[in-house]
PDB file of N, CA and C in Angstrom:
ATOM      1  N   MET A   1     114.810 117.640 100.626  1.00  0.00           N
ATOM      2  CA  MET A   1     115.568 116.536 101.173  1.00  0.00           C
ATOM      3  C   MET A   1     115.763 115.490 100.070  1.00  0.00           C
ATOM      4  N   ARG A   2     116.922 114.918 100.032  1.00  0.00           N
ATOM      5  CA  ARG A   2     117.237 113.931  99.003  1.00  0.00           C
ATOM      6  C   ARG A   2     116.627 112.580  99.336  1.00  0.00           C
ATOM      7  N   VAL A   3     116.505 111.752  98.318  1.00  0.00           N
ATOM      8  CA  VAL A   3     115.905 110.429  98.456  1.00  0.00           C
ATOM      9  C   VAL A   3     116.631 109.616  99.525  1.00  0.00           C
ATOM     10  N   GLU A   4     117.932 109.730  99.580  1.00  0.00           N
ATOM     11  CA  GLU A   4     118.711 108.961 100.551  1.00  0.00           C
ATOM     12  C   GLU A   4     118.302 109.290 101.983  1.00  0.00           C
ATOM     13  N   LYS A   5     118.020 110.547 102.249  1.00  0.00           N
ATOM     14  CA  LYS A   5     117.608 110.960 103.599  1.00  0.00           C
ATOM     15  C   LYS A   5     116.244 110.371 103.949  1.00  0.00           C
ATOM     16  N   HIS A   6     115.337 110.349 102.977  1.00  0.00           N
ATOM     17  CA  HIS A   6     114.020 109.758 103.208  1.00  0.00           C
ATOM     18  C   HIS A   6     114.163 108.268 103.520  1.00  0.00           C
ATOM     19  N   LEU A   7     114.989 107.589 102.741  1.00  0.00           N
ATOM     20  CA  LEU A   7     115.196 106.157 102.955  1.00  0.00           C
ATOM     21  C   LEU A   7     115.854 105.877 104.307  1.00  0.00           C
ATOM     22  N   GLU A   8     116.769 106.745 104.695  1.00  0.00           N
ATOM     23  CA  GLU A   8     117.438 106.609 105.992  1.00  0.00           C
ATOM     24  C   GLU A   8     116.416 106.705 107.127  1.00  0.00           C
ATOM     25  N   LYS A   9     115.507 107.664 107.028  1.00  0.00           N
ATOM     26  CA  LYS A   9     114.469 107.813 108.051  1.00  0.00           C
ATOM     27  C   LYS A   9     113.562 106.597 108.093  1.00  0.00           C
ATOM     28  N   LEU A  10     113.188 106.083 106.919  1.00  0.00           N
ATOM     29  CA  LEU A  10     112.304 104.918 106.877  1.00  0.00           C
ATOM     30  C   LEU A  10     112.989 103.673 107.440  1.00  0.00           C
ATOM     31  N   LYS A  11     114.280 103.535 107.202  1.00  0.00           N
ATOM     32  CA  LYS A  11     115.028 102.411 107.780  1.00  0.00           C
ATOM     33  C   LYS A  11     115.073 102.521 109.297  1.00  0.00           C
ATOM     34  N   GLU A  12     115.205 103.734 109.800  1.00  0.00           N
ATOM     35  CA  GLU A  12     115.210 103.958 111.248  1.00  0.00           C
ATOM     36  C   GLU A  12     113.862 103.541 111.852  1.00  0.00           C
ATOM     37  N   VAL A  13     112.786 103.887 111.171  1.00  0.00           N
ATOM     38  CA  VAL A  13     111.449 103.503 111.628  1.00  0.00           C
ATOM     39  C   VAL A  13     111.319 101.987 111.634  1.00  0.00           C
ATOM     40  N   LEU A  14     111.742 101.345 110.557  1.00  0.00           N
ATOM     41  CA  LEU A  14     111.664  99.886 110.465  1.00  0.00           C
ATOM     42  C   LEU A  14     112.501  99.221 111.551  1.00  0.00           C
ATOM     43  N   ASP A  15     113.682  99.743 111.820  1.00  0.00           N
ATOM     44  CA  ASP A  15     114.532  99.194 112.888  1.00  0.00           C
ATOM     45  C   ASP A  15     113.828  99.246 114.243  1.00  0.00           C
ATOM     46  N   GLU A  16     113.172 100.364 114.524  1.00  0.00           N
ATOM     47  CA  GLU A  16     112.469 100.501 115.801  1.00  0.00           C
ATOM     48  C   GLU A  16     111.308  99.514 115.904  1.00  0.00           C
ATOM     49  N   ILE A  17     110.590  99.320 114.815  1.00  0.00           N
ATOM     50  CA  ILE A  17     109.486  98.352 114.812  1.00  0.00           C
ATOM     51  C   ILE A  17     110.020  96.954 115.068  1.00  0.00           C
ATOM     52  N   GLN A  18     111.084  96.589 114.387  1.00  0.00           N
ATOM     53  CA  GLN A  18     111.668  95.258 114.557  1.00  0.00           C
ATOM     54  C   GLN A  18     112.192  95.059 115.976  1.00  0.00           C
ATOM     55  N   THR A  19     112.812  96.076 116.532  1.00  0.00           N
ATOM     56  CA  THR A  19     113.308  95.990 117.908  1.00  0.00           C
ATOM     57  C   THR A  19     112.158  95.764 118.882  1.00  0.00           C
ATOM     58  N   ALA A  20     111.077  96.500 118.706  1.00  0.00           N
ATOM     59  CA  ALA A  20     109.918  96.356 119.593  1.00  0.00           C
ATOM     60  C   ALA A  20     109.297  94.970 119.477  1.00  0.00           C
ATOM     61  N   LEU A  21     109.234  94.443 118.268  1.00  0.00           N
ATOM     62  CA  LEU A  21     108.640  93.114 118.072  1.00  0.00           C
ATOM     63  C   LEU A  21     109.499  92.003 118.672  1.00  0.00           C
ATOM     64  N   LYS A  22     110.799  92.210 118.700  1.00  0.00           N
ATOM     65  CA  LYS A  22     111.712  91.196 119.243  1.00  0.00           C
ATOM     66  C   LYS A  22     111.862  91.269 120.762  1.00  0.00           C
ATOM     67  N   ASP A  23     111.491  92.390 121.344  1.00  0.00           N
ATOM     68  CA  ASP A  23     111.648  92.580 122.784  1.00  0.00           C
ATOM     69  C   ASP A  23     110.708  91.655 123.544  1.00  0.00           C
ATOM     70  N   GLN A  24     111.246  90.938 124.522  1.00  0.00           N
ATOM     71  CA  GLN A  24     110.455  89.987 125.298  1.00  0.00           C
ATOM     72  C   GLN A  24     109.421  90.669 126.180  1.00  0.00           C
ATOM     73  N   ARG A  25     109.622  91.934 126.460  1.00  0.00           N
ATOM     74  CA  ARG A  25     108.652  92.680 127.259  1.00  0.00           C
ATOM     75  C   ARG A  25     107.418  93.038 126.444  1.00  0.00           C
ATOM     76  N   GLY A  26     107.520  92.921 125.128  1.00  0.00           N
ATOM     77  CA  GLY A  26     106.398  93.210 124.249  1.00  0.00           C
ATOM     78  C   GLY A  26     106.417  94.634 123.726  1.00  0.00           C
ATOM     79  N   VAL A  27     105.476  94.898 122.822  1.00  0.00           N
ATOM     80  CA  VAL A  27     105.433  96.213 122.190  1.00  0.00           C
ATOM     81  C   VAL A  27     104.873  97.281 123.121  1.00  0.00           C
ATOM     82  N   VAL A  28     104.191  96.873 124.183  1.00  0.00           N
ATOM     83  CA  VAL A  28     103.605  97.857 125.107  1.00  0.00           C
ATOM     84  C   VAL A  28     104.692  98.726 125.722  1.00  0.00           C
ATOM     85  N   SER A  29     105.827  98.133 126.011  1.00  0.00           N
ATOM     86  CA  SER A  29     106.911  98.913 126.613  1.00  0.00           C
ATOM     87  C   SER A  29     107.538  99.886 125.615  1.00  0.00           C
ATOM     88  N   HIS A  30     107.196  99.744 124.351  1.00  0.00           N
ATOM     89  CA  HIS A  30     107.744 100.607 123.299  1.00  0.00           C
ATOM     90  C   HIS A  30     106.677 101.501 122.670  1.00  0.00           C
ATOM     91  N   GLN A  31     105.472 101.500 123.226  1.00  0.00           N
ATOM     92  CA  GLN A  31     104.359 102.127 122.525  1.00  0.00           C
ATOM     93  C   GLN A  31     104.551 103.621 122.249  1.00  0.00           C
ATOM     94  N   ALA A  32     105.098 104.373 123.163  1.00  0.00           N
ATOM     95  CA  ALA A  32     105.288 105.812 122.927  1.00  0.00           C
ATOM     96  C   ALA A  32     106.290 106.046 121.803  1.00  0.00           C
ATOM     97  N   ARG A  33     107.391 105.322 121.857  1.00  0.00           N
ATOM     98  CA  ARG A  33     108.424 105.472 120.820  1.00  0.00           C
ATOM     99  C   ARG A  33     107.913 104.960 119.475  1.00  0.00           C
ATOM    100  N   LEU A  34     107.148 103.854 119.489  1.00  0.00           N
ATOM    101  CA  LEU A  34     106.583 103.339 118.245  1.00  0.00           C
ATOM    102  C   LEU A  34     105.611 104.342 117.625  1.00  0.00           C
ATOM    103  N   GLY A  35     104.801 104.966 118.457  1.00  0.00           N
ATOM    104  CA  GLY A  35     103.866 105.972 117.952  1.00  0.00           C
ATOM    105  C   GLY A  35     104.593 107.114 117.272  1.00  0.00           C
ATOM    106  N   SER A  36     105.649 107.576 117.898  1.00  0.00           N
ATOM    107  CA  SER A  36     106.441 108.663 117.317  1.00  0.00           C
ATOM    108  C   SER A  36     107.115 108.236 116.020  1.00  0.00           C
ATOM    109  N   MET A  37     107.679 107.046 116.024  1.00  0.00           N
ATOM    110  CA  MET A  37     108.385 106.572 114.839  1.00  0.00           C
ATOM    111  C   MET A  37     107.426 106.289 113.686  1.00  0.00           C
ATOM    112  N   LEU A  38     106.256 105.737 113.983  1.00  0.00           N
ATOM    113  CA  LEU A  38     105.275 105.500 112.925  1.00  0.00           C
ATOM    114  C   LEU A  38     104.795 106.823 112.332  1.00  0.00           C
ATOM    115  N   SER A  39     104.613 107.805 113.177  1.00  0.00           N
ATOM    116  CA  SER A  39     104.227 109.128 112.701  1.00  0.00           C
ATOM    117  C   SER A  39     105.308 109.698 111.792  1.00  0.00           C
ATOM    118  N   LEU A  40     106.553 109.585 112.201  1.00  0.00           N
ATOM    119  CA  LEU A  40     107.676 110.045 111.381  1.00  0.00           C
ATOM    120  C   LEU A  40     107.691 109.317 110.042  1.00  0.00           C
ATOM    121  N   GLY A  41     107.464 108.019 110.069  1.00  0.00           N
ATOM    122  CA  GLY A  41     107.454 107.232 108.837  1.00  0.00           C
ATOM    123  C   GLY A  41     106.356 107.659 107.886  1.00  0.00           C
ATOM    124  N   ILE A  42     105.170 107.894 108.416  1.00  0.00           N
ATOM    125  CA  ILE A  42     104.044 108.312 107.582  1.00  0.00           C
ATOM    126  C   ILE A  42     104.314 109.685 106.969  1.00  0.00           C
ATOM    127  N   VAL A  43     104.795 110.611 107.777  1.00  0.00           N
ATOM    128  CA  VAL A  43     105.105 111.958 107.267  1.00  0.00           C
ATOM    129  C   VAL A  43     106.188 111.874 106.197  1.00  0.00           C
ATOM    130  N   THR A  44     107.190 111.060 106.412  1.00  0.00           N
ATOM    131  CA  THR A  44     108.269 110.903 105.436  1.00  0.00           C
ATOM    132  C   THR A  44     107.726 110.378 104.114  1.00  0.00           C
ATOM    133  N   LEU A  45     106.848 109.381 104.171  1.00  0.00           N
ATOM    134  CA  LEU A  45     106.258 108.841 102.942  1.00  0.00           C
ATOM    135  C   LEU A  45     105.407 109.886 102.219  1.00  0.00           C
ATOM    136  N   ILE A  46     104.619 110.644 102.961  1.00  0.00           N
ATOM    137  CA  ILE A  46     103.773 111.679 102.352  1.00  0.00           C
ATOM    138  C   ILE A  46     104.635 112.745 101.684  1.00  0.00           C
ATOM    139  N   VAL A  47     105.662 113.208 102.371  1.00  0.00           N
ATOM    140  CA  VAL A  47     106.551 114.230 101.799  1.00  0.00           C
ATOM    141  C   VAL A  47     107.253 113.691 100.558  1.00  0.00           C
ATOM    142  N   PHE A  48     107.723 112.461 100.621  1.00  0.00           N
ATOM    143  CA  PHE A  48     108.415 111.841  99.496  1.00  0.00           C
ATOM    144  C   PHE A  48     107.497 111.773  98.279  1.00  0.00           C
ATOM    145  N   GLU A  49     106.280 111.309  98.465  1.00  0.00           N
ATOM    146  CA  GLU A  49     105.325 111.208  97.358  1.00  0.00           C
ATOM    147  C   GLU A  49     104.925 112.583  96.840  1.00  0.00           C
ATOM    148  N   ALA A  50     104.722 113.538  97.730  1.00  0.00           N
ATOM    149  CA  ALA A  50     104.351 114.895  97.314  1.00  0.00           C
ATOM    150  C   ALA A  50     105.459 115.518  96.468  1.00  0.00           C
ATOM    151  N   LYS A  51     106.691 115.300  96.858  1.00  0.00           N
ATOM    152  CA  LYS A  51     107.814 115.851  96.092  1.00  0.00           C
ATOM    153  C   LYS A  51     107.865 115.236  94.697  1.00  0.00           C
ATOM    154  N   LYS A  52     107.572 113.940  94.597  1.00  0.00           N
ATOM    155  CA  LYS A  52     107.558 113.289  93.287  1.00  0.00           C
ATOM    156  C   LYS A  52     106.479 113.887  92.400  1.00  0.00           C
ATOM    157  N   ILE A  53     105.298 114.143  92.970  1.00  0.00           N
ATOM    158  CA  ILE A  53     104.200 114.729  92.208  1.00  0.00           C
ATOM    159  C   ILE A  53     104.559 116.137  91.761  1.00  0.00           C
ATOM    160  N   ILE A  54     105.090 116.940  92.675  1.00  0.00           N
ATOM    161  CA  ILE A  54     105.467 118.316  92.350  1.00  0.00           C
ATOM    162  C   ILE A  54     106.531 118.341  91.256  1.00  0.00           C
ATOM    163  N   GLU A  55     107.517 117.467  91.360  1.00  0.00           N
ATOM    164  CA  GLU A  55     108.578 117.426  90.355  1.00  0.00           C
ATOM    165  C   GLU A  55     108.044 116.999  88.997  1.00  0.00           C
ATOM    166  N   SER A  56     107.117 116.054  88.977  1.00  0.00           N
ATOM    167  CA  SER A  56     106.560 115.611  87.694  1.00  0.00           C
ATOM    168  C   SER A  56     105.692 116.705  87.082  1.00  0.00           C
ATOM    169  N   LYS A  57     104.941 117.439  87.930  1.00  0.00           N
ATOM    170  CA  LYS A  57     104.123 118.546  87.421  1.00  0.00           C
ATOM    171  C   LYS A  57     105.005 119.681  86.906  1.00  0.00           C
ATOM    172  N   ALA A  58     106.110 119.952  87.583  1.00  0.00           N
ATOM    173  CA  ALA A  58     107.029 120.992  87.133  1.00  0.00           C
ATOM    174  C   ALA A  58     107.626 120.624  85.784  1.00  0.00           C
ATOM    175  N   GLY A  59     107.923 119.346  85.596  1.00  0.00           N
ATOM    176  CA  GLY A  59     108.469 118.885  84.321  1.00  0.00           C
ATOM    177  C   GLY A  59     107.476 119.043  83.194  1.00  0.00           C
ATOM    178  N   GLU A  60     106.184 118.863  83.483  1.00  0.00           N
ATOM    179  CA  GLU A  60     105.153 119.023  82.463  1.00  0.00           C
ATOM    180  C   GLU A  60     105.008 120.485  82.041  1.00  0.00           C
ATOM    181  N   LEU A  61     105.263 121.404  82.957  1.00  0.00           N
ATOM    182  CA  LEU A  61     105.104 122.820  82.660  1.00  0.00           C
ATOM    183  C   LEU A  61     106.212 123.361  81.766  1.00  0.00           C
ATOM    184  N   LEU A  62     107.365 122.699  81.787  1.00  0.00           N
ATOM    185  CA  LEU A  62     108.506 123.182  81.002  1.00  0.00           C
ATOM    186  C   LEU A  62     108.379 122.805  79.585  1.00  0.00           C
TER     187      LEU A  62
END
């Protein structure tokens, strides 16, 4: 996946967090969706960092 796709996913996660924080009903009404989005954000960051490490190691081997 390209960097742009990772950033797009992270922006989506941030948007959901901001929406939940602004909602007058509070974050409790968004807790299931927030849990899913935070999980997506964490996985996206891990994959992004892992790809950077793999690419740098591949460059060292050449």
